[in-house]
Amino acid sequence: MALVPMSDPMIEEVSRFFLALGDPSRLRILRSLLKARAPLSQGALAELAGLSQVNASKHLAQLVRVGLVTREAEGTAAYYRPVLPLVEEVCALVCGHVTERAKAAYQALK
């Protein structure tokens, strides 16, 4: 994969993307969406992620802003879905890296 030149504005945008992924509540929301394999309402996501409705709304807005999640209005309700395959690929890459680091740390303790 070719390296994309990173201008200062691009660095700022990438920083916002990773900042959005740096919050455990937002990661729980993404996990819930990936497990569901279907759009979920804000209420369902709040419950699955263990968040209040207000807190879930704040986190979902951030995920939509950076392009990790889409929001679809249906009547008076809104449903959210992860942007695929981006979210799955990023999560798999990062989780794989974290798993390998944990395995290495465990092996070092033996």
PDB file of N, CA and C in Angstrom:
ATOM      1  N   MET A   1       0.845  -1.169   0.000  1.00  0.00           N
ATOM      2  CA  MET A   1       0.000   0.000   0.000  1.00  0.00           C
ATOM      3  C   MET A   1       0.897   1.240   0.000  1.00  0.00           C
ATOM      4  N   ALA A   2       0.599   2.176  -0.887  1.00  0.00           N
ATOM      5  CA  ALA A   2       1.400   3.390  -1.027  1.00  0.00           C
ATOM      6  C   ALA A   2       1.118   4.351   0.126  1.00  0.00           C
ATOM      7  N   LEU A   3       2.145   5.007   0.565  1.00  0.00           N
ATOM      8  CA  LEU A   3       2.021   5.998   1.625  1.00  0.00           C
ATOM      9  C   LEU A   3       1.383   7.256   1.052  1.00  0.00           C
ATOM     10  N   VAL A   4       0.367   7.758   1.735  1.00  0.00           N
ATOM     11  CA  VAL A   4      -0.324   8.979   1.305  1.00  0.00           C
ATOM     12  C   VAL A   4       0.416  10.177   1.883  1.00  0.00           C
ATOM     13  N   PRO A   5       0.765  11.170   1.029  1.00  0.00           N
ATOM     14  CA  PRO A   5       1.418  12.371   1.557  1.00  0.00           C
ATOM     15  C   PRO A   5       0.497  13.045   2.569  1.00  0.00           C
ATOM     16  N   MET A   6       1.071  13.474   3.687  1.00  0.00           N
ATOM     17  CA  MET A   6       0.267  14.067   4.748  1.00  0.00           C
ATOM     18  C   MET A   6       0.563  15.552   4.905  1.00  0.00           C
ATOM     19  N   SER A   7      -0.351  16.365   4.437  1.00  0.00           N
ATOM     20  CA  SER A   7      -0.258  17.808   4.642  1.00  0.00           C
ATOM     21  C   SER A   7      -0.670  18.106   6.086  1.00  0.00           C
ATOM     22  N   ASP A   8      -0.428  19.317   6.528  1.00  0.00           N
ATOM     23  CA  ASP A   8      -0.840  19.686   7.881  1.00  0.00           C
ATOM     24  C   ASP A   8      -2.347  19.545   8.087  1.00  0.00           C
ATOM     25  N   PRO A   9      -3.194  19.982   7.133  1.00  0.00           N
ATOM     26  CA  PRO A   9      -4.632  19.759   7.323  1.00  0.00           C
ATOM     27  C   PRO A   9      -4.999  18.271   7.392  1.00  0.00           C
ATOM     28  N   MET A  10      -4.297  17.443   6.611  1.00  0.00           N
ATOM     29  CA  MET A  10      -4.543  16.009   6.655  1.00  0.00           C
ATOM     30  C   MET A  10      -4.162  15.444   8.030  1.00  0.00           C
ATOM     31  N   ILE A  11      -3.052  15.892   8.572  1.00  0.00           N
ATOM     32  CA  ILE A  11      -2.628  15.446   9.898  1.00  0.00           C
ATOM     33  C   ILE A  11      -3.682  15.812  10.938  1.00  0.00           C
ATOM     34  N   GLU A  12      -4.247  17.001  10.843  1.00  0.00           N
ATOM     35  CA  GLU A  12      -5.299  17.421  11.776  1.00  0.00           C
ATOM     36  C   GLU A  12      -6.511  16.503  11.671  1.00  0.00           C
ATOM     37  N   GLU A  13      -6.908  16.172  10.448  1.00  0.00           N
ATOM     38  CA  GLU A  13      -8.080  15.308  10.243  1.00  0.00           C
ATOM     39  C   GLU A  13      -7.813  13.891  10.746  1.00  0.00           C
ATOM     40  N   VAL A  14      -6.641  13.362  10.472  1.00  0.00           N
ATOM     41  CA  VAL A  14      -6.268  12.030  10.953  1.00  0.00           C
ATOM     42  C   VAL A  14      -6.243  12.016  12.483  1.00  0.00           C
ATOM     43  N   SER A  15      -5.761  13.095  13.071  1.00  0.00           N
ATOM     44  CA  SER A  15      -5.735  13.211  14.528  1.00  0.00           C
ATOM     45  C   SER A  15      -7.146  13.132  15.111  1.00  0.00           C
ATOM     46  N   ARG A  16      -8.112  13.810  14.487  1.00  0.00           N
ATOM     47  CA  ARG A  16      -9.507  13.754  14.948  1.00  0.00           C
ATOM     48  C   ARG A  16     -10.062  12.336  14.835  1.00  0.00           C
ATOM     49  N   PHE A  17      -9.691  11.636  13.778  1.00  0.00           N
ATOM     50  CA  PHE A  17     -10.118  10.260  13.572  1.00  0.00           C
ATOM     51  C   PHE A  17      -9.629   9.369  14.713  1.00  0.00           C
ATOM     52  N   PHE A  18      -8.331   9.451  15.003  1.00  0.00           N
ATOM     53  CA  PHE A  18      -7.770   8.615  16.068  1.00  0.00           C
ATOM     54  C   PHE A  18      -8.248   9.054  17.449  1.00  0.00           C
ATOM     55  N   LEU A  19      -8.503  10.336  17.628  1.00  0.00           N
ATOM     56  CA  LEU A  19      -9.049  10.823  18.887  1.00  0.00           C
ATOM     57  C   LEU A  19     -10.422  10.187  19.136  1.00  0.00           C
ATOM     58  N   ALA A  20     -11.217  10.079  18.076  1.00  0.00           N
ATOM     59  CA  ALA A  20     -12.529   9.448  18.210  1.00  0.00           C
ATOM     60  C   ALA A  20     -12.401   7.985  18.631  1.00  0.00           C
ATOM     61  N   LEU A  21     -11.372   7.321  18.162  1.00  0.00           N
ATOM     62  CA  LEU A  21     -11.155   5.914  18.528  1.00  0.00           C
ATOM     63  C   LEU A  21     -10.521   5.760  19.908  1.00  0.00           C
ATOM     64  N   GLY A  22     -10.085   6.857  20.502  1.00  0.00           N
ATOM     65  CA  GLY A  22      -9.383   6.806  21.779  1.00  0.00           C
ATOM     66  C   GLY A  22     -10.278   6.815  23.000  1.00  0.00           C
ATOM     67  N   ASP A  23     -11.579   6.687  22.815  1.00  0.00           N
ATOM     68  CA  ASP A  23     -12.500   6.729  23.946  1.00  0.00           C
ATOM     69  C   ASP A  23     -13.169   5.360  24.115  1.00  0.00           C
ATOM     70  N   PRO A  24     -13.097   4.766  25.312  1.00  0.00           N
ATOM     71  CA  PRO A  24     -13.685   3.440  25.523  1.00  0.00           C
ATOM     72  C   PRO A  24     -15.184   3.370  25.221  1.00  0.00           C
ATOM     73  N   SER A  25     -15.924   4.429  25.515  1.00  0.00           N
ATOM     74  CA  SER A  25     -17.366   4.412  25.234  1.00  0.00           C
ATOM     75  C   SER A  25     -17.631   4.339  23.735  1.00  0.00           C
ATOM     76  N   ARG A  26     -16.858   5.076  22.956  1.00  0.00           N
ATOM     77  CA  ARG A  26     -17.037   5.027  21.509  1.00  0.00           C
ATOM     78  C   ARG A  26     -16.632   3.662  20.953  1.00  0.00           C
ATOM     79  N   LEU A  27     -15.608   3.057  21.535  1.00  0.00           N
ATOM     80  CA  LEU A  27     -15.218   1.708  21.098  1.00  0.00           C
ATOM     81  C   LEU A  27     -16.303   0.693  21.443  1.00  0.00           C
ATOM     82  N   ARG A  28     -16.967   0.868  22.591  1.00  0.00           N
ATOM     83  CA  ARG A  28     -18.075  -0.036  22.942  1.00  0.00           C
ATOM     84  C   ARG A  28     -19.229   0.131  21.956  1.00  0.00           C
ATOM     85  N   ILE A  29     -19.496   1.364  21.543  1.00  0.00           N
ATOM     86  CA  ILE A  29     -20.542   1.607  20.546  1.00  0.00           C
ATOM     87  C   ILE A  29     -20.181   0.914  19.240  1.00  0.00           C
ATOM     88  N   LEU A  30     -18.940   1.070  18.799  1.00  0.00           N
ATOM     89  CA  LEU A  30     -18.507   0.420  17.554  1.00  0.00           C
ATOM     90  C   LEU A  30     -18.599  -1.099  17.670  1.00  0.00           C
ATOM     91  N   ARG A  31     -18.189  -1.631  18.803  1.00  0.00           N
ATOM     92  CA  ARG A  31     -18.285  -3.087  19.017  1.00  0.00           C
ATOM     93  C   ARG A  31     -19.741  -3.540  18.905  1.00  0.00           C
ATOM     94  N   SER A  32     -20.642  -2.796  19.517  1.00  0.00           N
ATOM     95  CA  SER A  32     -22.071  -3.142  19.466  1.00  0.00           C
ATOM     96  C   SER A  32     -22.595  -3.116  18.042  1.00  0.00           C
ATOM     97  N   LEU A  33     -22.196  -2.106  17.282  1.00  0.00           N
ATOM     98  CA  LEU A  33     -22.641  -2.018  15.888  1.00  0.00           C
ATOM     99  C   LEU A  33     -22.076  -3.151  15.045  1.00  0.00           C
ATOM    100  N   LEU A  34     -20.816  -3.483  15.248  1.00  0.00           N
ATOM    101  CA  LEU A  34     -20.210  -4.572  14.478  1.00  0.00           C
ATOM    102  C   LEU A  34     -20.843  -5.917  14.819  1.00  0.00           C
ATOM    103  N   LYS A  35     -21.146  -6.139  16.097  1.00  0.00           N
ATOM    104  CA  LYS A  35     -21.779  -7.397  16.504  1.00  0.00           C
ATOM    105  C   LYS A  35     -23.190  -7.515  15.953  1.00  0.00           C
ATOM    106  N   ALA A  36     -23.909  -6.396  15.921  1.00  0.00           N
ATOM    107  CA  ALA A  36     -25.310  -6.418  15.509  1.00  0.00           C
ATOM    108  C   ALA A  36     -25.471  -6.732  14.027  1.00  0.00           C
ATOM    109  N   ARG A  37     -24.531  -6.278  13.210  1.00  0.00           N
ATOM    110  CA  ARG A  37     -24.608  -6.477  11.757  1.00  0.00           C
ATOM    111  C   ARG A  37     -25.881  -5.880  11.161  1.00  0.00           C
ATOM    112  N   ALA A  38     -26.459  -4.913  11.871  1.00  0.00           N
ATOM    113  CA  ALA A  38     -27.667  -4.222  11.410  1.00  0.00           C
ATOM    114  C   ALA A  38     -27.677  -2.844  12.055  1.00  0.00           C
ATOM    115  N   PRO A  39     -28.360  -1.887  11.446  1.00  0.00           N
ATOM    116  CA  PRO A  39     -28.452  -0.557  12.063  1.00  0.00           C
ATOM    117  C   PRO A  39     -29.126  -0.649  13.436  1.00  0.00           C
ATOM    118  N   LEU A  40     -28.657   0.169  14.356  1.00  0.00           N
ATOM    119  CA  LEU A  40     -29.229   0.200  15.705  1.00  0.00           C
ATOM    120  C   LEU A  40     -29.635   1.622  16.063  1.00  0.00           C
ATOM    121  N   SER A  41     -30.651   1.739  16.886  1.00  0.00           N
ATOM    122  CA  SER A  41     -31.098   3.046  17.351  1.00  0.00           C
ATOM    123  C   SER A  41     -30.164   3.548  18.451  1.00  0.00           C
ATOM    124  N   GLN A  42     -30.262   4.829  18.716  1.00  0.00           N
ATOM    125  CA  GLN A  42     -29.458   5.420  19.781  1.00  0.00           C
ATOM    126  C   GLN A  42     -29.767   4.759  21.121  1.00  0.00           C
ATOM    127  N   GLY A  43     -31.046   4.487  21.372  1.00  0.00           N
ATOM    128  CA  GLY A  43     -31.436   3.850  22.630  1.00  0.00           C
ATOM    129  C   GLY A  43     -30.839   2.467  22.784  1.00  0.00           C
ATOM    130  N   ALA A  44     -30.887   1.691  21.706  1.00  0.00           N
ATOM    131  CA  ALA A  44     -30.316   0.339  21.750  1.00  0.00           C
ATOM    132  C   ALA A  44     -28.805   0.407  21.968  1.00  0.00           C
ATOM    133  N   LEU A  45     -28.154   1.345  21.292  1.00  0.00           N
ATOM    134  CA  LEU A  45     -26.702   1.481  21.454  1.00  0.00           C
ATOM    135  C   LEU A  45     -26.338   1.940  22.858  1.00  0.00           C
ATOM    136  N   ALA A  46     -27.121   2.853  23.408  1.00  0.00           N
ATOM    137  CA  ALA A  46     -26.861   3.312  24.772  1.00  0.00           C
ATOM    138  C   ALA A  46     -26.925   2.130  25.736  1.00  0.00           C
ATOM    139  N   GLU A  47     -27.954   1.316  25.596  1.00  0.00           N
ATOM    140  CA  GLU A  47     -28.109   0.161  26.474  1.00  0.00           C
ATOM    141  C   GLU A  47     -26.965  -0.841  26.295  1.00  0.00           C
ATOM    142  N   LEU A  48     -26.660  -1.181  25.049  1.00  0.00           N
ATOM    143  CA  LEU A  48     -25.600  -2.162  24.781  1.00  0.00           C
ATOM    144  C   LEU A  48     -24.231  -1.693  25.263  1.00  0.00           C
ATOM    145  N   ALA A  49     -23.975  -0.394  25.165  1.00  0.00           N
ATOM    146  CA  ALA A  49     -22.676   0.151  25.559  1.00  0.00           C
ATOM    147  C   ALA A  49     -22.642   0.579  27.022  1.00  0.00           C
ATOM    148  N   GLY A  50     -23.778   0.471  27.719  1.00  0.00           N
ATOM    149  CA  GLY A  50     -23.827   0.846  29.135  1.00  0.00           C
ATOM    150  C   GLY A  50     -23.731   2.350  29.354  1.00  0.00           C
ATOM    151  N   LEU A  51     -24.358   3.118  28.455  1.00  0.00           N
ATOM    152  CA  LEU A  51     -24.292   4.575  28.519  1.00  0.00           C
ATOM    153  C   LEU A  51     -25.679   5.168  28.721  1.00  0.00           C
ATOM    154  N   SER A  52     -25.716   6.397  29.215  1.00  0.00           N
ATOM    155  CA  SER A  52     -26.975   7.127  29.252  1.00  0.00           C
ATOM    156  C   SER A  52     -27.318   7.561  27.833  1.00  0.00           C
ATOM    157  N   GLN A  53     -28.582   7.908  27.605  1.00  0.00           N
ATOM    158  CA  GLN A  53     -29.001   8.375  26.283  1.00  0.00           C
ATOM    159  C   GLN A  53     -28.215   9.612  25.864  1.00  0.00           C
ATOM    160  N   VAL A  54     -28.037  10.545  26.788  1.00  0.00           N
ATOM    161  CA  VAL A  54     -27.326  11.793  26.486  1.00  0.00           C
ATOM    162  C   VAL A  54     -25.870  11.510  26.136  1.00  0.00           C
ATOM    163  N   ASN A  55     -25.234  10.646  26.911  1.00  0.00           N
ATOM    164  CA  ASN A  55     -23.832  10.310  26.667  1.00  0.00           C
ATOM    165  C   ASN A  55     -23.679   9.581  25.327  1.00  0.00           C
ATOM    166  N   ALA A  56     -24.583   8.646  25.048  1.00  0.00           N
ATOM    167  CA  ALA A  56     -24.538   7.924  23.783  1.00  0.00           C
ATOM    168  C   ALA A  56     -24.703   8.889  22.612  1.00  0.00           C
ATOM    169  N   SER A  57     -25.604   9.844  22.747  1.00  0.00           N
ATOM    170  CA  SER A  57     -25.835  10.832  21.695  1.00  0.00           C
ATOM    171  C   SER A  57     -24.568  11.621  21.394  1.00  0.00           C
ATOM    172  N   LYS A  58     -23.877  12.037  22.449  1.00  0.00           N
ATOM    173  CA  LYS A  58     -22.625  12.800  22.292  1.00  0.00           C
ATOM    174  C   LYS A  58     -21.577  11.964  21.562  1.00  0.00           C
ATOM    175  N   HIS A  59     -21.428  10.719  21.954  1.00  0.00           N
ATOM    176  CA  HIS A  59     -20.418   9.856  21.341  1.00  0.00           C
ATOM    177  C   HIS A  59     -20.785   9.496  19.899  1.00  0.00           C
ATOM    178  N   LEU A  60     -22.056   9.252  19.647  1.00  0.00           N
ATOM    179  CA  LEU A  60     -22.487   8.945  18.283  1.00  0.00           C
ATOM    180  C   LEU A  60     -22.253  10.135  17.356  1.00  0.00           C
ATOM    181  N   ALA A  61     -22.509  11.335  17.851  1.00  0.00           N
ATOM    182  CA  ALA A  61     -22.267  12.535  17.035  1.00  0.00           C
ATOM    183  C   ALA A  61     -20.796  12.626  16.650  1.00  0.00           C
ATOM    184  N   GLN A  62     -19.907  12.308  17.578  1.00  0.00           N
ATOM    185  CA  GLN A  62     -18.472  12.343  17.296  1.00  0.00           C
ATOM    186  C   GLN A  62     -18.101  11.282  16.257  1.00  0.00           C
ATOM    187  N   LEU A  63     -18.656  10.091  16.386  1.00  0.00           N
ATOM    188  CA  LEU A  63     -18.362   9.020  15.433  1.00  0.00           C
ATOM    189  C   LEU A  63     -18.876   9.352  14.036  1.00  0.00           C
ATOM    190  N   VAL A  64     -20.023  10.004  13.964  1.00  0.00           N
ATOM    191  CA  VAL A  64     -20.564  10.436  12.671  1.00  0.00           C
ATOM    192  C   VAL A  64     -19.681  11.530  12.092  1.00  0.00           C
ATOM    193  N   ARG A  65     -19.266  12.482  12.928  1.00  0.00           N
ATOM    194  CA  ARG A  65     -18.445  13.613  12.469  1.00  0.00           C
ATOM    195  C   ARG A  65     -17.152  13.163  11.804  1.00  0.00           C
ATOM    196  N   VAL A  66     -16.517  12.127  12.338  1.00  0.00           N
ATOM    197  CA  VAL A  66     -15.238  11.684  11.771  1.00  0.00           C
ATOM    198  C   VAL A  66     -15.406  10.607  10.696  1.00  0.00           C
ATOM    199  N   GLY A  67     -16.651  10.213  10.426  1.00  0.00           N
ATOM    200  CA  GLY A  67     -16.900   9.271   9.338  1.00  0.00           C
ATOM    201  C   GLY A  67     -16.771   7.802   9.684  1.00  0.00           C
ATOM    202  N   LEU A  68     -16.847   7.446  10.962  1.00  0.00           N
ATOM    203  CA  LEU A  68     -16.792   6.041  11.352  1.00  0.00           C
ATOM    204  C   LEU A  68     -18.177   5.400  11.383  1.00  0.00           C
ATOM    205  N   VAL A  69     -19.194   6.234  11.526  1.00  0.00           N
ATOM    206  CA  VAL A  69     -20.569   5.759  11.643  1.00  0.00           C
ATOM    207  C   VAL A  69     -21.458   6.644  10.780  1.00  0.00           C
ATOM    208  N   THR A  70     -22.486   6.039  10.186  1.00  0.00           N
ATOM    209  CA  THR A  70     -23.477   6.830   9.458  1.00  0.00           C
ATOM    210  C   THR A  70     -24.774   6.863  10.261  1.00  0.00           C
ATOM    211  N   ARG A  71     -25.518   7.944  10.078  1.00  0.00           N
ATOM    212  CA  ARG A  71     -26.806   8.139  10.756  1.00  0.00           C
ATOM    213  C   ARG A  71     -27.884   8.178   9.684  1.00  0.00           C
ATOM    214  N   GLU A  72     -28.908   7.356   9.872  1.00  0.00           N
ATOM    215  CA  GLU A  72     -30.019   7.303   8.923  1.00  0.00           C
ATOM    216  C   GLU A  72     -31.317   7.600   9.658  1.00  0.00           C
ATOM    217  N   ALA A  73     -31.996   8.663   9.248  1.00  0.00           N
ATOM    218  CA  ALA A  73     -33.275   9.004   9.862  1.00  0.00           C
ATOM    219  C   ALA A  73     -34.370   8.120   9.291  1.00  0.00           C
ATOM    220  N   GLU A  74     -35.229   7.647  10.175  1.00  0.00           N
ATOM    221  CA  GLU A  74     -36.377   6.840   9.768  1.00  0.00           C
ATOM    222  C   GLU A  74     -37.570   7.305  10.604  1.00  0.00           C
ATOM    223  N   GLY A  75     -38.364   8.179  10.028  1.00  0.00           N
ATOM    224  CA  GLY A  75     -39.451   8.790  10.791  1.00  0.00           C
ATOM    225  C   GLY A  75     -38.865   9.688  11.865  1.00  0.00           C
ATOM    226  N   THR A  76     -39.266   9.470  13.107  1.00  0.00           N
ATOM    227  CA  THR A  76     -38.727  10.270  14.210  1.00  0.00           C
ATOM    228  C   THR A  76     -37.508   9.617  14.851  1.00  0.00           C
ATOM    229  N   ALA A  77     -37.152   8.434  14.394  1.00  0.00           N
ATOM    230  CA  ALA A  77     -36.002   7.717  14.962  1.00  0.00           C
ATOM    231  C   ALA A  77     -34.782   7.865  14.056  1.00  0.00           C
ATOM    232  N   ALA A  78     -33.633   7.628  14.643  1.00  0.00           N
ATOM    233  CA  ALA A  78     -32.374   7.614  13.887  1.00  0.00           C
ATOM    234  C   ALA A  78     -31.691   6.282  14.151  1.00  0.00           C
ATOM    235  N   TYR A  79     -31.126   5.737  13.098  1.00  0.00           N
ATOM    236  CA  TYR A  79     -30.407   4.468  13.197  1.00  0.00           C
ATOM    237  C   TYR A  79     -28.970   4.675  12.739  1.00  0.00           C
ATOM    238  N   TYR A  80     -28.075   3.957  13.393  1.00  0.00           N
ATOM    239  CA  TYR A  80     -26.647   4.118  13.145  1.00  0.00           C
ATOM    240  C   TYR A  80     -26.076   2.809  12.649  1.00  0.00           C
ATOM    241  N   ARG A  81     -25.084   2.941  11.761  1.00  0.00           N
ATOM    242  CA  ARG A  81     -24.370   1.760  11.274  1.00  0.00           C
ATOM    243  C   ARG A  81     -22.901   2.147  11.089  1.00  0.00           C
ATOM    244  N   PRO A  82     -21.996   1.178  11.277  1.00  0.00           N
ATOM    245  CA  PRO A  82     -20.573   1.470  11.065  1.00  0.00           C
ATOM    246  C   PRO A  82     -20.278   1.609   9.575  1.00  0.00           C
ATOM    247  N   VAL A  83     -19.301   2.404   9.249  1.00  0.00           N
ATOM    248  CA  VAL A  83     -18.854   2.534   7.858  1.00  0.00           C
ATOM    249  C   VAL A  83     -17.972   1.313   7.575  1.00  0.00           C
ATOM    250  N   LEU A  84     -18.481   0.430   6.736  1.00  0.00           N
ATOM    251  CA  LEU A  84     -17.766  -0.806   6.415  1.00  0.00           C
ATOM    252  C   LEU A  84     -17.123  -0.684   5.046  1.00  0.00           C
ATOM    253  N   PRO A  85     -16.024  -1.292   4.809  1.00  0.00           N
ATOM    254  CA  PRO A  85     -15.253  -2.173   5.687  1.00  0.00           C
ATOM    255  C   PRO A  85     -14.270  -1.422   6.594  1.00  0.00           C
ATOM    256  N   LEU A  86     -14.252  -0.107   6.503  1.00  0.00           N
ATOM    257  CA  LEU A  86     -13.282   0.694   7.263  1.00  0.00           C
ATOM    258  C   LEU A  86     -13.223   0.324   8.739  1.00  0.00           C
ATOM    259  N   VAL A  87     -14.358   0.324   9.416  1.00  0.00           N
ATOM    260  CA  VAL A  87     -14.364   0.096  10.859  1.00  0.00           C
ATOM    261  C   VAL A  87     -13.871  -1.305  11.184  1.00  0.00           C
ATOM    262  N   GLU A  88     -14.341  -2.296  10.438  1.00  0.00           N
ATOM    263  CA  GLU A  88     -13.874  -3.662  10.678  1.00  0.00           C
ATOM    264  C   GLU A  88     -12.373  -3.784  10.465  1.00  0.00           C
ATOM    265  N   GLU A  89     -11.864  -3.184   9.408  1.00  0.00           N
ATOM    266  CA  GLU A  89     -10.436  -3.290   9.097  1.00  0.00           C
ATOM    267  C   GLU A  89      -9.575  -2.580  10.137  1.00  0.00           C
ATOM    268  N   VAL A  90      -9.977  -1.387  10.538  1.00  0.00           N
ATOM    269  CA  VAL A  90      -9.211  -0.651  11.548  1.00  0.00           C
ATOM    270  C   VAL A  90      -9.227  -1.414  12.871  1.00  0.00           C
ATOM    271  N   CYS A  91     -10.409  -1.895  13.275  1.00  0.00           N
ATOM    272  CA  CYS A  91     -10.514  -2.629  14.535  1.00  0.00           C
ATOM    273  C   CYS A  91      -9.697  -3.922  14.493  1.00  0.00           C
ATOM    274  N   ALA A  92      -9.759  -4.636  13.382  1.00  0.00           N
ATOM    275  CA  ALA A  92      -8.993  -5.882  13.262  1.00  0.00           C
ATOM    276  C   ALA A  92      -7.499  -5.606  13.324  1.00  0.00           C
ATOM    277  N   LEU A  93      -7.053  -4.577  12.643  1.00  0.00           N
ATOM    278  CA  LEU A  93      -5.636  -4.232  12.635  1.00  0.00           C
ATOM    279  C   LEU A  93      -5.146  -3.852  14.031  1.00  0.00           C
ATOM    280  N   VAL A  94      -5.877  -2.982  14.686  1.00  0.00           N
ATOM    281  CA  VAL A  94      -5.460  -2.508  16.012  1.00  0.00           C
ATOM    282  C   VAL A  94      -5.582  -3.627  17.039  1.00  0.00           C
ATOM    283  N   CYS A  95      -6.687  -4.370  17.018  1.00  0.00           N
ATOM    284  CA  CYS A  95      -6.859  -5.455  17.986  1.00  0.00           C
ATOM    285  C   CYS A  95      -5.813  -6.551  17.778  1.00  0.00           C
ATOM    286  N   GLY A  96      -5.478  -6.823  16.529  1.00  0.00           N
ATOM    287  CA  GLY A  96      -4.416  -7.789  16.255  1.00  0.00           C
ATOM    288  C   GLY A  96      -3.086  -7.338  16.824  1.00  0.00           C
ATOM    289  N   HIS A  97      -2.787  -6.061  16.672  1.00  0.00           N
ATOM    290  CA  HIS A  97      -1.547  -5.506  17.211  1.00  0.00           C
ATOM    291  C   HIS A  97      -1.533  -5.597  18.745  1.00  0.00           C
ATOM    292  N   VAL A  98      -2.631  -5.237  19.376  1.00  0.00           N
ATOM    293  CA  VAL A  98      -2.723  -5.290  20.839  1.00  0.00           C
ATOM    294  C   VAL A  98      -2.587  -6.732  21.327  1.00  0.00           C
ATOM    295  N   THR A  99      -3.205  -7.663  20.627  1.00  0.00           N
ATOM    296  CA  THR A  99      -3.103  -9.078  20.994  1.00  0.00           C
ATOM    297  C   THR A  99      -1.670  -9.571  20.902  1.00  0.00           C
ATOM    298  N   GLU A 100      -0.985  -9.220  19.834  1.00  0.00           N
ATOM    299  CA  GLU A 100       0.412  -9.635  19.673  1.00  0.00           C
ATOM    300  C   GLU A 100       1.305  -9.038  20.759  1.00  0.00           C
ATOM    301  N   ARG A 101       1.069  -7.790  21.102  1.00  0.00           N
ATOM    302  CA  ARG A 101       1.850  -7.153  22.180  1.00  0.00           C
ATOM    303  C   ARG A 101       1.600  -7.849  23.517  1.00  0.00           C
ATOM    304  N   ALA A 102       0.344  -8.211  23.779  1.00  0.00           N
ATOM    305  CA  ALA A 102       0.005  -8.906  25.028  1.00  0.00           C
ATOM    306  C   ALA A 102       0.659 -10.285  25.074  1.00  0.00           C
ATOM    307  N   LYS A 103       0.630 -10.991  23.936  1.00  0.00           N
ATOM    308  CA  LYS A 103       1.290 -12.301  23.875  1.00  0.00           C
ATOM    309  C   LYS A 103       2.786 -12.170  24.114  1.00  0.00           C
ATOM    310  N   ALA A 104       3.403 -11.177  23.516  1.00  0.00           N
ATOM    311  CA  ALA A 104       4.847 -10.969  23.694  1.00  0.00           C
ATOM    312  C   ALA A 104       5.162 -10.644  25.151  1.00  0.00           C
ATOM    313  N   ALA A 105       4.335  -9.823  25.762  1.00  0.00           N
ATOM    314  CA  ALA A 105       4.560  -9.458  27.170  1.00  0.00           C
ATOM    315  C   ALA A 105       4.398 -10.692  28.062  1.00  0.00           C
ATOM    316  N   TYR A 106       3.420 -11.528  27.751  1.00  0.00           N
ATOM    317  CA  TYR A 106       3.204 -12.747  28.516  1.00  0.00           C
ATOM    318  C   TYR A 106       4.398 -13.692  28.364  1.00  0.00           C
ATOM    319  N   GLN A 107       4.877 -13.850  27.133  1.00  0.00           N
ATOM    320  CA  GLN A 107       6.027 -14.725  26.879  1.00  0.00           C
ATOM    321  C   GLN A 107       7.272 -14.223  27.606  1.00  0.00           C
ATOM    322  N   ALA A 108       7.419 -12.919  27.708  1.00  0.00           N
ATOM    323  CA  ALA A 108       8.579 -12.346  28.391  1.00  0.00           C
ATOM    324  C   ALA A 108       8.550 -12.644  29.882  1.00  0.00           C
ATOM    325  N   LEU A 109       7.369 -12.893  30.441  1.00  0.00           N
ATOM    326  CA  LEU A 109       7.244 -13.185  31.867  1.00  0.00           C
ATOM    327  C   LEU A 109       7.537 -14.637  32.192  1.00  0.00           C
ATOM    328  N   LYS A 110       7.562 -15.499  31.216  1.00  0.00           N
ATOM    329  CA  LYS A 110       7.794 -16.942  31.461  1.00  0.00           C
ATOM    330  C   LYS A 110       9.220 -17.210  31.831  1.00  0.00           C
TER     331      LYS A 110
END
